Amino acid sequence: MTAYKDAFHARATLKGTYGTINYYRLEALAQRGVQGLNRLPFTVKVILENMLRHVDGELVTEEDVLSLAHWVPGQSAKNETEYPFLPARVLLQDFTGVPAVADLAAMRSAVARMNGDPQKINPLVPADLVIDHSVQVDSFGSVLSFARNVEREYERNSERYALLRWGQEAFHNFRVVPPGTGIVHQVNLEYLASVVMTKEENGEKVAYPDTLVGTDSHTTMINGLGVLGWGVGGIEAEAVLLGQPIYLLTPEVIGVRLSGALPEGATATDLVLTVTQMLRKRGVVGKFVEFTGPGLSNLPLADRATIANMSPEFGATATLFPVDAETLHYLQMTGRDPQLIELVEHYTKAQGLFRTDEIPEPQFDDLLQLDLATIEPSLAGPLRPQDRVQMQNLGRVFRAAYADRFREAAEVATTEKATIRWSSEGGNPNPDPVVQHEDATKGNGHRRHNGHLKDVQIQLGDVETHMTDGSVAIAAITSCTNTSNPSVMIAAGLVAKHAVERGLSVNPAVKTSLAPGSRAVVDYLENANLLPYLEALRFHLVGYGCTTCIGNSGPLAEPVAEA
């Protein structure tokens, strides 16, 4: 065990219903001439505390701490100093976690061959592995789909799961969340994360910020809870498991100041698409993003998690929402221990890590502004998440996009004003370049559209239906981004309710699925009596896992695939 030095005499105590707990005061740095700690970004303060607590004169030196403590806004990009960061824990999913467990097992075998004690090989920091990447949508559209898919999942992965079960029993500091529980990031948000962690140090309890790295890019979702974390590669994660630091360049922090509140009808999805577009335009690759401003007090934690989750899509390392009253409310709502919640409040306030509207705003390398009242209903696409489309323009953008795509597919020589003539197929010899879906005419057994859109008849058992170019083939309510947000999921249920009440149905050619990030989603949909309406539209529960979001949608019906 590494012997850490209290080089800055920063150790102090907190007292509450949780007992007496030590912590390392950031304010102790003021005695060494550090000024303006209250104006540092929360991101920098979390990393600074991590270094302050780990000073040992070798891995982390006093000079390292003082260097970062003198962080200057606007100068980060010019400072190439590297700082050691030791995450408090590691988060794994089954695709990347299995190799990690296999490597640990190989280390034990190597130690045994050298006549050592293999039991000494264990993760040095806590590690949680959530099995969520293996479930596939083989069965859908039935109340039996969930059970069938779980059964097939175990059949396909029995050997892998046996290894993970062995790993949980064999290694200390290693837990496995079994299949059929939820998506790793939502399980982390609802259950695993504690915001403030404690451990024994020289016989006494020490409190410190919950921080982590994970083997999935959307590990960043946990930043919505005020927990600094991001995705890394498998080798980096294994190094952290073995007590090695991650080295960070001087953190460049971009602030986003929120004001106002979301208007009625706007959702977290609309907000995150706007934020993604804005930050892609600004350029935040390799940088930290941190939200600030009075608008944060109007933003539920689920909405914050949605934004933080999308960090990979706009390129940021992580997107931090500081701990505040909403964080404490979420911890209470998700059943965390009252003593933990009290500790989180006491610790973050003592460390200057608790946000209120009254505290001085941190200084950032750059500061962007966003009025929540300006957010409009939007969709992503047609091709990239930063290509935001306003709901009112969806039809026009869709037709224009397909006109362009099918004009390319026709391999017609392009001139400044290219024309396409295919009257022999039933098309207009001088078509408008924008596809008009309603302009279809019959031709060769199929309806043909300007730009080569076609309508194909499909036989699915006793049901005959049709699909056109641009038809939806897969409709999946899933992903750690969306299903973690109750307002978005309730909205989906309400849309289903109104659709059913108006006699609408889903084309049987569409593969439908509901794969929430946690069991809590189905619970509140059932309690709100909305699940029956989703099932009436064939959005039955198919599993708790990533499914379609990572390509595990399962095969389409053969006639659909051939269309």
Protein backbone atom coordinates (compact mmCIF):
# COMPACT_ATOMS: atom_id res chain seq x y z
CA MET A 1 0.00 0.00 0.00
CA THR A 2 1.39 3.40 -0.99
CA ALA A 3 2.16 5.74 1.92
CA TYR A 4 0.65 9.13 1.14
CA LYS A 5 1.96 12.27 2.80
CA ASP A 6 -0.17 15.10 4.10
CA ALA A 7 2.39 17.49 2.63
CA PHE A 8 0.09 20.52 2.78
CA HIS A 9 -1.33 19.78 6.25
CA ALA A 10 -4.71 19.58 4.55
CA ARG A 11 -6.28 16.82 6.61
CA ALA A 12 -9.43 17.86 8.48
CA THR A 13 -12.58 16.20 9.81
CA LEU A 14 -16.31 16.19 9.11
CA LYS A 15 -18.92 15.09 11.63
CA GLY A 16 -22.50 13.99 11.11
CA THR A 17 -24.81 11.03 11.40
CA TYR A 18 -22.20 9.19 9.32
CA GLY A 19 -19.71 9.59 12.19
CA THR A 20 -16.33 11.32 12.02
CA ILE A 21 -14.61 11.25 8.64
CA ASN A 22 -11.36 12.84 7.47
CA TYR A 23 -10.86 14.70 4.22
CA TYR A 24 -8.17 16.75 2.48
CA ARG A 25 -9.09 20.44 2.44
CA LEU A 26 -8.47 22.30 -0.79
CA GLU A 27 -8.41 25.54 1.20
CA ALA A 28 -5.15 24.39 2.79
CA LEU A 29 -3.46 25.39 -0.47
CA ALA A 30 -4.14 29.04 0.36
CA GLN A 31 -1.47 28.76 3.05
CA ARG A 32 1.03 28.09 0.24
CA GLY A 33 0.09 31.24 -1.64
CA VAL A 34 -2.63 29.81 -3.88
CA GLN A 35 -5.36 32.37 -4.54
CA GLY A 36 -8.70 32.25 -6.33
CA LEU A 37 -9.58 28.65 -5.50
CA ASN A 38 -13.26 29.61 -5.43
CA ARG A 39 -13.07 30.69 -9.09
CA LEU A 40 -11.50 27.49 -10.40
CA PRO A 41 -13.77 25.31 -12.56
CA PHE A 42 -15.27 22.44 -10.57
CA THR A 43 -13.55 20.05 -12.99
CA VAL A 44 -10.13 21.41 -12.06
CA LYS A 45 -10.95 21.33 -8.33
CA VAL A 46 -11.88 17.63 -8.49
CA ILE A 47 -8.60 16.78 -10.24
CA LEU A 48 -6.70 19.02 -7.82
CA GLU A 49 -8.19 17.26 -4.77
CA ASN A 50 -7.22 13.93 -6.31
CA MET A 51 -3.60 15.03 -6.57
CA LEU A 52 -3.56 16.69 -3.13
CA ARG A 53 -4.73 13.44 -1.53
CA HIS A 54 -2.17 11.30 -3.37
CA VAL A 55 1.02 13.29 -2.76
CA ASP A 56 3.78 10.75 -2.09
CA GLY A 57 6.82 12.62 -3.38
CA GLU A 58 7.20 10.26 -6.32
CA LEU A 59 4.07 9.63 -8.34
CA VAL A 60 2.51 12.92 -7.23
CA THR A 61 4.74 15.71 -5.96
CA GLU A 62 4.03 18.96 -4.15
CA GLU A 63 5.15 20.78 -7.28
CA ASP A 64 2.49 18.95 -9.31
CA VAL A 65 -0.22 20.11 -6.93
CA LEU A 66 0.94 23.73 -6.82
CA SER A 67 1.29 23.82 -10.61
CA LEU A 68 -2.33 22.79 -11.17
CA ALA A 69 -3.54 24.99 -8.29
CA HIS A 70 -2.24 27.99 -10.26
CA TRP A 71 -4.43 27.07 -13.24
CA VAL A 72 -5.01 30.17 -15.37
CA PRO A 73 -8.06 30.48 -17.66
CA GLY A 74 -7.16 30.92 -21.29
CA GLN A 75 -3.67 29.46 -20.84
CA SER A 76 -4.48 25.74 -20.68
CA ALA A 77 -3.87 25.02 -24.36
CA LYS A 78 -0.37 26.51 -24.09
CA ASN A 79 0.57 24.49 -21.00
CA GLU A 80 1.75 20.98 -21.87
CA THR A 81 2.34 19.88 -18.27
CA GLU A 82 1.07 16.38 -17.53
CA TYR A 83 -0.66 15.58 -14.25
CA PRO A 84 -1.22 12.13 -12.70
CA PHE A 85 -4.88 11.33 -11.99
CA LEU A 86 -5.91 8.26 -9.97
CA PRO A 87 -9.61 7.46 -10.53
CA ALA A 88 -11.48 6.13 -7.51
CA ARG A 89 -13.02 3.21 -9.40
CA VAL A 90 -13.38 1.50 -12.78
CA LEU A 91 -16.60 0.74 -14.66
CA LEU A 92 -16.66 -2.15 -17.13
CA GLN A 93 -19.16 -3.70 -19.50
CA ASP A 94 -19.06 -7.30 -20.64
CA PHE A 95 -17.45 -6.80 -24.07
CA THR A 96 -14.37 -5.13 -22.60
CA GLY A 97 -14.64 -6.60 -19.12
CA VAL A 98 -14.17 -10.22 -20.16
CA PRO A 99 -10.62 -9.56 -21.50
CA ALA A 100 -9.79 -7.69 -18.28
CA VAL A 101 -10.89 -10.63 -16.14
CA ALA A 102 -9.00 -13.01 -18.40
CA ASP A 103 -5.85 -10.90 -17.99
CA LEU A 104 -6.20 -10.90 -14.21
CA ALA A 105 -6.64 -14.68 -14.31
CA ALA A 106 -3.52 -14.96 -16.48
CA MET A 107 -1.58 -12.91 -13.92
CA ARG A 108 -2.69 -15.27 -11.17
CA SER A 109 -1.53 -18.23 -13.25
CA ALA A 110 1.84 -16.58 -13.83
CA VAL A 111 2.28 -15.90 -10.10
CA ALA A 112 1.36 -19.51 -9.30
CA ARG A 113 3.96 -20.78 -11.79
CA MET A 114 6.57 -18.71 -9.94
CA ASN A 115 5.48 -20.31 -6.65
CA GLY A 116 3.87 -17.08 -5.46
CA ASP A 117 0.47 -16.52 -3.90
CA PRO A 118 -2.07 -15.98 -6.73
CA GLN A 119 -4.60 -14.66 -4.21
CA LYS A 120 -2.57 -11.45 -4.06
CA ILE A 121 -3.61 -10.55 -7.61
CA ASN A 122 -6.70 -8.36 -7.22
CA PRO A 123 -7.91 -5.01 -8.53
CA LEU A 124 -6.43 -2.26 -6.34
CA VAL A 125 -9.41 0.01 -6.93
CA PRO A 126 -13.08 -1.03 -6.89
CA ALA A 127 -14.36 -2.30 -10.23
CA ASP A 128 -17.94 -2.94 -11.32
CA LEU A 129 -18.86 -4.89 -14.45
CA VAL A 130 -22.38 -4.57 -15.83
CA ILE A 131 -23.48 -7.18 -18.37
CA ASP A 132 -25.51 -5.27 -20.95
CA HIS A 133 -23.80 -5.58 -24.35
CA SER A 134 -24.72 -9.18 -25.19
CA VAL A 135 -28.51 -9.23 -25.37
CA GLN A 136 -29.89 -9.38 -28.92
CA VAL A 137 -33.41 -8.76 -30.21
CA ASP A 138 -34.24 -12.20 -31.60
CA SER A 139 -37.86 -12.07 -30.43
CA PHE A 140 -40.03 -8.96 -30.57
CA GLY A 141 -43.67 -7.92 -30.64
CA SER A 142 -44.73 -10.34 -27.89
CA VAL A 143 -45.11 -10.39 -24.12
CA LEU A 144 -42.81 -13.42 -24.21
CA SER A 145 -40.01 -11.57 -26.04
CA PHE A 146 -38.05 -10.65 -22.93
CA ALA A 147 -37.91 -14.20 -21.59
CA ARG A 148 -37.01 -15.62 -25.01
CA ASN A 149 -34.20 -13.12 -25.58
CA VAL A 150 -32.73 -13.69 -22.11
CA GLU A 151 -32.78 -17.44 -22.73
CA ARG A 152 -30.96 -17.02 -26.05
CA GLU A 153 -28.49 -14.62 -24.43
CA TYR A 154 -27.49 -17.23 -21.84
CA GLU A 155 -27.21 -19.90 -24.54
CA ARG A 156 -24.85 -17.77 -26.61
CA ASN A 157 -22.73 -16.50 -23.74
CA SER A 158 -22.65 -19.31 -21.18
CA GLU A 159 -18.86 -19.64 -21.24
CA ARG A 160 -18.26 -15.90 -20.93
CA TYR A 161 -20.76 -15.57 -18.11
CA ALA A 162 -19.22 -18.51 -16.27
CA LEU A 163 -15.87 -16.70 -16.39
CA LEU A 164 -17.42 -13.51 -15.01
CA ARG A 165 -19.18 -15.40 -12.23
CA TRP A 166 -15.88 -17.02 -11.30
CA GLY A 167 -14.19 -13.60 -11.38
CA GLN A 168 -16.69 -12.09 -8.97
CA GLU A 169 -16.09 -14.90 -6.48
CA ALA A 170 -12.32 -15.05 -6.97
CA PHE A 171 -11.30 -11.37 -6.89
CA HIS A 172 -11.66 -8.78 -4.18
CA ASN A 173 -12.84 -5.30 -5.22
CA PHE A 174 -14.75 -6.76 -8.18
CA ARG A 175 -18.54 -6.91 -8.59
CA VAL A 176 -20.66 -8.14 -11.49
CA VAL A 177 -24.17 -6.89 -12.25
CA PRO A 178 -25.94 -9.82 -13.97
CA PRO A 179 -27.70 -9.82 -17.37
CA GLY A 180 -31.22 -8.50 -17.61
CA THR A 181 -30.62 -5.71 -15.08
CA GLY A 182 -29.98 -2.63 -17.18
CA ILE A 183 -27.56 -0.60 -19.27
CA VAL A 184 -24.23 0.04 -17.56
CA HIS A 185 -24.49 3.83 -17.49
CA GLN A 186 -27.99 3.96 -16.09
CA VAL A 187 -27.12 1.32 -13.48
CA ASN A 188 -24.13 3.48 -12.59
CA LEU A 189 -26.34 6.55 -12.29
CA GLU A 190 -29.14 4.92 -10.30
CA TYR A 191 -27.18 2.55 -8.11
CA LEU A 192 -23.38 2.35 -8.30
CA ALA A 193 -22.28 5.99 -8.06
CA SER A 194 -22.03 7.54 -4.60
CA VAL A 195 -20.78 11.08 -5.50
CA VAL A 196 -18.56 10.97 -2.40
CA MET A 197 -16.63 7.80 -1.52
CA THR A 198 -14.88 6.71 1.66
CA LYS A 199 -12.04 4.31 2.42
CA GLU A 200 -9.76 3.32 5.27
CA GLU A 201 -6.43 5.15 5.46
CA ASN A 202 -4.12 4.53 8.41
CA GLY A 203 -7.03 3.14 10.37
CA GLU A 204 -9.30 6.14 9.75
CA LYS A 205 -12.03 6.84 7.23
CA VAL A 206 -11.27 9.36 4.50
CA ALA A 207 -13.87 10.98 2.23
CA TYR A 208 -13.11 11.99 -1.35
CA PRO A 209 -14.95 12.65 -4.65
CA ASP A 210 -16.26 9.69 -6.60
CA THR A 211 -14.34 9.62 -9.89
CA LEU A 212 -13.99 6.89 -12.48
CA VAL A 213 -12.93 5.71 -15.88
CA GLY A 214 -14.96 3.24 -17.89
CA THR A 215 -14.48 1.02 -20.91
CA ASP A 216 -17.36 2.57 -22.82
CA SER A 217 -17.41 5.98 -24.48
CA HIS A 218 -20.69 6.97 -22.83
CA THR A 219 -19.24 6.55 -19.34
CA THR A 220 -19.48 10.35 -19.37
CA MET A 221 -23.17 10.09 -18.50
CA ILE A 222 -22.27 9.99 -14.80
CA ASN A 223 -20.99 13.57 -14.97
CA GLY A 224 -24.65 14.61 -14.83
CA LEU A 225 -24.55 13.47 -11.18
CA GLY A 226 -21.46 15.56 -10.45
CA VAL A 227 -19.13 12.55 -10.73
CA LEU A 228 -16.13 13.16 -12.98
CA GLY A 229 -15.57 10.25 -15.32
CA TRP A 230 -14.96 9.32 -18.95
CA GLY A 231 -14.29 6.42 -21.27
CA VAL A 232 -10.85 4.91 -21.85
CA GLY A 233 -9.39 1.93 -23.67
CA GLY A 234 -9.12 -1.52 -22.15
CA ILE A 235 -5.37 -1.26 -21.51
CA GLU A 236 -5.79 2.06 -19.68
CA ALA A 237 -8.62 0.64 -17.60
CA GLU A 238 -6.54 -2.39 -16.62
CA ALA A 239 -3.66 -0.09 -15.65
CA VAL A 240 -6.00 1.82 -13.32
CA LEU A 241 -7.22 -1.49 -11.88
CA LEU A 242 -3.60 -2.20 -10.97
CA GLY A 243 -3.14 1.17 -9.26
CA GLN A 244 -1.55 3.12 -12.09
CA PRO A 245 -2.55 6.72 -12.83
CA ILE A 246 -3.89 8.25 -16.01
CA TYR A 247 -1.84 11.23 -17.12
CA LEU A 248 -3.74 14.35 -18.15
CA LEU A 249 -2.54 17.45 -19.91
CA THR A 250 -3.47 20.71 -18.23
CA PRO A 251 -7.28 20.55 -18.41
CA GLU A 252 -8.82 22.98 -20.88
CA VAL A 253 -12.33 23.73 -19.60
CA ILE A 254 -15.08 25.24 -21.75
CA GLY A 255 -18.00 26.66 -19.78
CA VAL A 256 -21.62 26.68 -20.94
CA ARG A 257 -23.74 29.22 -19.10
CA LEU A 258 -27.43 28.29 -18.98
CA SER A 259 -30.21 30.77 -18.38
CA GLY A 260 -33.99 30.49 -18.42
CA ALA A 261 -35.96 27.24 -18.52
CA LEU A 262 -37.06 24.78 -21.21
CA PRO A 263 -40.36 25.86 -22.81
CA GLU A 264 -43.39 23.61 -22.77
CA GLY A 265 -43.08 20.95 -25.46
CA ALA A 266 -39.27 20.93 -25.50
CA THR A 267 -37.50 17.85 -24.15
CA ALA A 268 -34.02 16.88 -23.04
CA THR A 269 -33.53 15.38 -26.51
CA ASP A 270 -34.17 18.77 -28.12
CA LEU A 271 -31.76 20.37 -25.67
CA VAL A 272 -28.96 17.87 -26.17
CA LEU A 273 -29.19 18.12 -29.97
CA THR A 274 -28.85 21.90 -29.70
CA VAL A 275 -25.92 21.58 -27.29
CA THR A 276 -24.24 19.02 -29.56
CA GLN A 277 -24.57 21.30 -32.57
CA MET A 278 -23.27 24.28 -30.59
CA LEU A 279 -20.26 22.48 -29.12
CA ARG A 280 -19.33 20.79 -32.40
CA LYS A 281 -19.24 24.24 -33.94
CA ARG A 282 -17.09 25.59 -31.08
CA GLY A 283 -14.72 22.62 -31.13
CA VAL A 284 -14.25 20.85 -27.81
CA VAL A 285 -12.35 17.69 -28.79
CA GLY A 286 -10.02 16.68 -25.97
CA LYS A 287 -11.43 19.38 -23.70
CA PHE A 288 -13.62 19.33 -20.61
CA VAL A 289 -17.03 21.01 -20.72
CA GLU A 290 -18.65 22.35 -17.56
CA PHE A 291 -22.15 23.76 -17.16
CA THR A 292 -22.84 26.81 -15.05
CA GLY A 293 -25.41 29.57 -14.63
CA PRO A 294 -28.86 30.03 -13.08
CA GLY A 295 -30.52 27.87 -15.72
CA LEU A 296 -29.00 24.81 -14.05
CA SER A 297 -31.47 25.18 -11.20
CA ASN A 298 -34.26 24.59 -13.73
CA LEU A 299 -32.68 21.48 -15.24
CA PRO A 300 -33.59 18.08 -13.74
CA LEU A 301 -30.79 15.63 -13.17
CA ALA A 302 -32.11 13.25 -15.83
CA ASP A 303 -31.75 16.04 -18.41
CA ARG A 304 -28.21 16.72 -17.21
CA ALA A 305 -27.35 13.04 -17.58
CA THR A 306 -28.71 13.09 -21.14
CA ILE A 307 -26.37 15.95 -22.07
CA ALA A 308 -23.37 14.44 -20.27
CA ASN A 309 -24.01 11.12 -22.02
CA MET A 310 -23.58 12.76 -25.43
CA SER A 311 -20.03 14.02 -24.72
CA PRO A 312 -18.51 11.61 -27.28
CA GLU A 313 -20.86 12.97 -29.94
CA PHE A 314 -19.57 16.52 -29.52
CA GLY A 315 -16.03 15.35 -28.79
CA ALA A 316 -15.48 16.43 -25.17
CA THR A 317 -13.54 14.29 -22.72
CA ALA A 318 -16.30 14.84 -20.15
CA THR A 319 -19.16 17.25 -19.45
CA LEU A 320 -19.51 18.03 -15.76
CA PHE A 321 -22.60 19.27 -13.95
CA PRO A 322 -21.48 20.30 -10.44
CA VAL A 323 -23.17 18.87 -7.36
CA ASP A 324 -26.11 20.98 -6.17
CA ALA A 325 -29.51 20.65 -4.51
CA GLU A 326 -30.86 18.73 -7.51
CA THR A 327 -28.10 16.15 -7.07
CA LEU A 328 -29.10 15.59 -3.45
CA HIS A 329 -32.74 15.29 -4.50
CA TYR A 330 -31.85 12.63 -7.08
CA LEU A 331 -29.82 10.64 -4.56
CA GLN A 332 -32.81 10.68 -2.23
CA MET A 333 -35.24 9.74 -5.01
CA THR A 334 -33.12 6.74 -6.04
CA GLY A 335 -32.99 5.36 -2.51
CA ARG A 336 -29.43 6.19 -1.48
CA ASP A 337 -28.60 5.92 2.23
CA PRO A 338 -29.57 9.13 4.12
CA GLN A 339 -26.16 9.13 5.82
CA LEU A 340 -24.47 9.09 2.40
CA ILE A 341 -26.63 11.99 1.21
CA GLU A 342 -25.71 13.98 4.32
CA LEU A 343 -22.02 13.22 3.76
CA VAL A 344 -22.27 14.33 0.12
CA GLU A 345 -23.78 17.64 1.19
CA HIS A 346 -21.30 18.26 4.03
CA TYR A 347 -18.25 17.25 2.00
CA THR A 348 -19.02 19.16 -1.19
CA LYS A 349 -19.92 22.33 0.72
CA ALA A 350 -16.75 22.11 2.81
CA GLN A 351 -14.64 21.70 -0.35
CA GLY A 352 -16.30 24.41 -2.43
CA LEU A 353 -17.67 21.71 -4.73
CA PHE A 354 -21.36 22.53 -4.15
CA ARG A 355 -23.01 24.82 -6.69
CA THR A 356 -25.65 27.41 -5.90
CA ASP A 357 -26.89 30.36 -7.92
CA GLU A 358 -25.21 32.69 -5.42
CA ILE A 359 -21.60 31.47 -5.57
CA PRO A 360 -19.05 33.25 -7.80
CA GLU A 361 -19.09 31.82 -11.30
CA PRO A 362 -15.96 29.85 -12.17
CA GLN A 363 -13.55 31.21 -14.75
CA PHE A 364 -13.18 29.13 -17.90
CA ASP A 365 -10.92 28.97 -20.93
CA ASP A 366 -13.97 30.01 -22.92
CA LEU A 367 -17.61 30.62 -22.01
CA LEU A 368 -20.63 29.92 -24.23
CA GLN A 369 -24.18 31.12 -23.54
CA LEU A 370 -27.43 29.22 -24.00
CA ASP A 371 -30.94 30.40 -23.14
CA LEU A 372 -33.03 27.31 -22.45
CA ALA A 373 -36.15 29.20 -23.50
CA THR A 374 -34.90 29.16 -27.12
CA ILE A 375 -34.85 25.35 -27.40
CA GLU A 376 -37.22 24.01 -30.08
CA PRO A 377 -38.45 20.49 -30.87
CA SER A 378 -35.74 18.89 -33.01
CA LEU A 379 -34.47 15.66 -34.51
CA ALA A 380 -30.97 14.47 -35.32
CA GLY A 381 -30.00 13.80 -38.87
CA PRO A 382 -30.37 12.92 -41.56
CA LEU A 383 -26.85 11.50 -41.19
CA ARG A 384 -25.00 12.89 -38.15
CA PRO A 385 -26.07 13.86 -34.59
CA GLN A 386 -24.85 17.43 -35.03
CA ASP A 387 -27.09 17.83 -38.10
CA ARG A 388 -30.04 19.07 -36.09
CA VAL A 389 -33.37 19.37 -37.90
CA GLN A 390 -36.24 21.41 -36.52
CA MET A 391 -39.38 19.31 -36.26
CA GLN A 392 -41.32 21.67 -38.55
CA ASN A 393 -38.74 21.17 -41.32
CA LEU A 394 -38.54 17.38 -41.09
CA GLY A 395 -40.53 16.60 -44.24
CA ARG A 396 -38.65 19.04 -46.44
CA VAL A 397 -35.21 17.98 -45.18
CA PHE A 398 -36.06 14.28 -45.53
CA ARG A 399 -37.21 14.67 -49.14
CA ALA A 400 -34.20 16.79 -50.05
CA ALA A 401 -31.78 14.32 -48.47
CA TYR A 402 -33.26 11.38 -50.35
CA ALA A 403 -33.30 13.29 -53.61
CA ASP A 404 -29.56 13.82 -53.22
CA ARG A 405 -28.86 10.22 -52.19
CA PHE A 406 -30.77 8.64 -55.07
CA ARG A 407 -29.42 11.09 -57.62
CA GLU A 408 -25.94 9.87 -56.64
CA ALA A 409 -27.01 6.22 -56.81
CA ALA A 410 -28.25 6.67 -60.36
CA GLU A 411 -24.66 7.44 -61.42
CA VAL A 412 -25.79 10.20 -63.73
CA ALA A 413 -23.12 12.55 -65.02
CA THR A 414 -23.25 15.72 -62.95
CA THR A 415 -23.38 19.17 -64.47
CA GLU A 416 -24.25 22.47 -62.84
CA LYS A 417 -27.92 21.76 -63.54
CA ALA A 418 -28.15 18.01 -63.98
CA THR A 419 -31.45 16.55 -65.10
CA ILE A 420 -32.68 13.00 -64.77
CA ARG A 421 -34.93 11.52 -67.40
CA TRP A 422 -36.50 8.14 -66.81
CA SER A 423 -40.00 8.42 -68.25
CA SER A 424 -39.86 4.77 -69.31
CA GLU A 425 -40.10 3.86 -65.63
CA GLY A 426 -43.13 6.03 -65.07
CA GLY A 427 -41.30 9.11 -63.81
CA ASN A 428 -41.57 12.75 -64.79
CA PRO A 429 -39.01 13.41 -67.56
CA ASN A 430 -38.23 16.80 -65.97
CA PRO A 431 -38.52 16.16 -62.24
CA ASP A 432 -38.07 18.60 -59.45
CA PRO A 433 -34.81 17.69 -57.64
CA VAL A 434 -36.70 17.44 -54.34
CA VAL A 435 -38.53 14.16 -53.93
CA GLN A 436 -42.28 14.60 -53.49
CA HIS A 437 -43.52 11.43 -51.84
CA GLU A 438 -47.10 12.02 -52.96
CA ASP A 439 -46.13 12.20 -56.66
CA ALA A 440 -45.88 8.42 -57.02
CA THR A 441 -47.04 6.72 -60.19
CA LYS A 442 -47.36 3.04 -61.02
CA GLY A 443 -44.59 1.38 -62.99
CA ASN A 444 -43.50 -2.22 -63.48
CA GLY A 445 -45.49 -3.46 -60.51
CA HIS A 446 -43.93 -0.91 -58.17
CA ARG A 447 -44.81 2.69 -57.50
CA ARG A 448 -41.91 4.84 -58.65
CA HIS A 449 -40.98 8.29 -57.38
CA ASN A 450 -38.81 11.07 -58.67
CA GLY A 451 -35.28 10.15 -57.60
CA HIS A 452 -35.84 6.38 -57.74
CA LEU A 453 -37.98 6.01 -54.61
CA LYS A 454 -39.96 2.81 -54.93
CA ASP A 455 -42.76 0.99 -53.17
CA VAL A 456 -42.39 -2.78 -52.65
CA GLN A 457 -45.20 -5.16 -51.71
CA ILE A 458 -44.24 -7.50 -48.84
CA GLN A 459 -45.89 -10.68 -47.62
CA LEU A 460 -45.39 -11.39 -43.90
CA GLY A 461 -47.25 -14.60 -43.13
CA ASP A 462 -50.92 -13.87 -43.73
CA VAL A 463 -50.34 -10.11 -43.78
CA GLU A 464 -49.58 -8.12 -46.91
CA THR A 465 -47.98 -4.72 -46.53
CA HIS A 466 -45.58 -2.45 -48.40
CA MET A 467 -42.41 -0.45 -47.85
CA THR A 468 -40.84 2.41 -49.77
CA ASP A 469 -37.31 3.76 -49.89
CA GLY A 470 -37.05 5.74 -46.68
CA SER A 471 -39.53 3.57 -44.79
CA VAL A 472 -38.68 2.77 -41.18
CA ALA A 473 -37.47 -0.83 -40.85
CA ILE A 474 -36.41 -0.74 -37.19
CA ALA A 475 -38.08 1.31 -34.45
CA ALA A 476 -36.27 0.84 -31.15
CA ILE A 477 -36.92 2.64 -27.88
CA THR A 478 -33.54 2.05 -26.26
CA SER A 479 -30.11 3.57 -25.50
CA CYS A 480 -28.55 4.77 -22.29
CA THR A 481 -29.15 8.34 -23.52
CA ASN A 482 -32.92 8.22 -23.92
CA THR A 483 -34.25 5.54 -21.59
CA SER A 484 -32.50 7.12 -18.59
CA ASN A 485 -34.81 10.13 -18.87
CA PRO A 486 -38.28 9.65 -17.33
CA SER A 487 -39.79 12.69 -19.06
CA VAL A 488 -38.77 11.37 -22.49
CA MET A 489 -40.02 7.85 -21.72
CA ILE A 490 -43.32 9.12 -20.33
CA ALA A 491 -43.65 11.24 -23.47
CA ALA A 492 -43.17 8.09 -25.57
CA GLY A 493 -45.90 6.38 -23.57
CA LEU A 494 -48.27 9.32 -24.03
CA VAL A 495 -47.63 9.40 -27.77
CA ALA A 496 -48.44 5.68 -27.88
CA LYS A 497 -51.63 6.26 -25.87
CA HIS A 498 -52.90 8.97 -28.21
CA ALA A 499 -51.92 6.92 -31.27
CA VAL A 500 -53.87 3.89 -30.05
CA GLU A 501 -56.89 6.02 -29.10
CA ARG A 502 -56.93 7.44 -32.63
CA GLY A 503 -56.82 4.01 -34.21
CA LEU A 504 -53.24 4.19 -35.47
CA SER A 505 -51.03 1.13 -35.78
CA VAL A 506 -47.47 0.21 -36.74
CA ASN A 507 -46.65 -1.31 -40.12
CA PRO A 508 -46.02 -5.04 -39.44
CA ALA A 509 -42.83 -4.78 -41.50
CA VAL A 510 -41.27 -2.58 -38.79
CA LYS A 511 -39.19 -4.37 -36.15
CA THR A 512 -40.25 -2.74 -32.89
CA SER A 513 -38.59 -3.05 -29.50
CA LEU A 514 -38.46 -1.55 -26.02
CA ALA A 515 -35.11 -2.06 -24.25
CA PRO A 516 -34.87 0.26 -21.24
CA GLY A 517 -31.71 1.11 -19.36
CA SER A 518 -33.09 -0.15 -16.05
CA ARG A 519 -36.05 -2.00 -14.57
CA ALA A 520 -37.26 1.25 -13.02
CA VAL A 521 -38.44 2.37 -16.48
CA VAL A 522 -40.92 -0.49 -16.87
CA ASP A 523 -42.07 0.05 -13.28
CA TYR A 524 -43.08 3.67 -13.82
CA LEU A 525 -44.56 2.97 -17.27
CA GLU A 526 -46.72 0.26 -15.69
CA ASN A 527 -47.66 2.48 -12.75
CA ALA A 528 -48.69 5.23 -15.18
CA ASN A 529 -50.72 2.67 -17.20
CA LEU A 530 -48.76 3.56 -20.34
CA LEU A 531 -47.04 0.23 -21.01
CA PRO A 532 -50.23 -1.36 -22.47
CA TYR A 533 -50.38 1.35 -25.13
CA LEU A 534 -46.74 0.79 -26.11
CA GLU A 535 -47.46 -2.94 -26.32
CA ALA A 536 -50.54 -2.27 -28.44
CA LEU A 537 -48.14 -0.72 -30.95
CA ARG A 538 -45.88 -3.81 -30.58
CA PHE A 539 -43.25 -2.05 -28.47
CA HIS A 540 -42.94 -4.95 -26.05
CA LEU A 541 -40.08 -5.32 -23.60
CA VAL A 542 -37.28 -7.24 -25.33
CA GLY A 543 -34.51 -6.87 -22.76
CA TYR A 544 -32.56 -4.57 -20.50
CA GLY A 545 -29.44 -3.71 -22.44
CA CYS A 546 -27.94 -1.84 -25.36
CA THR A 547 -29.56 -4.00 -28.10
CA THR A 548 -30.19 -1.99 -31.28
CA CYS A 549 -28.03 0.93 -30.18
CA ILE A 550 -24.87 -1.18 -30.66
CA GLY A 551 -26.15 -3.20 -33.62
CA ASN A 552 -27.75 -6.04 -31.64
CA SER A 553 -31.10 -5.54 -33.33
CA GLY A 554 -31.21 -9.12 -34.54
CA PRO A 555 -32.16 -10.05 -38.10
CA LEU A 556 -35.00 -8.43 -40.01
CA ALA A 557 -37.74 -10.61 -41.41
CA GLU A 558 -36.45 -12.08 -44.68
CA PRO A 559 -38.99 -10.32 -46.95
CA VAL A 560 -38.09 -6.98 -45.32
CA ALA A 561 -34.36 -7.59 -45.66
CA GLU A 562 -34.79 -8.43 -49.34
CA ALA A 563 -37.02 -5.44 -50.12
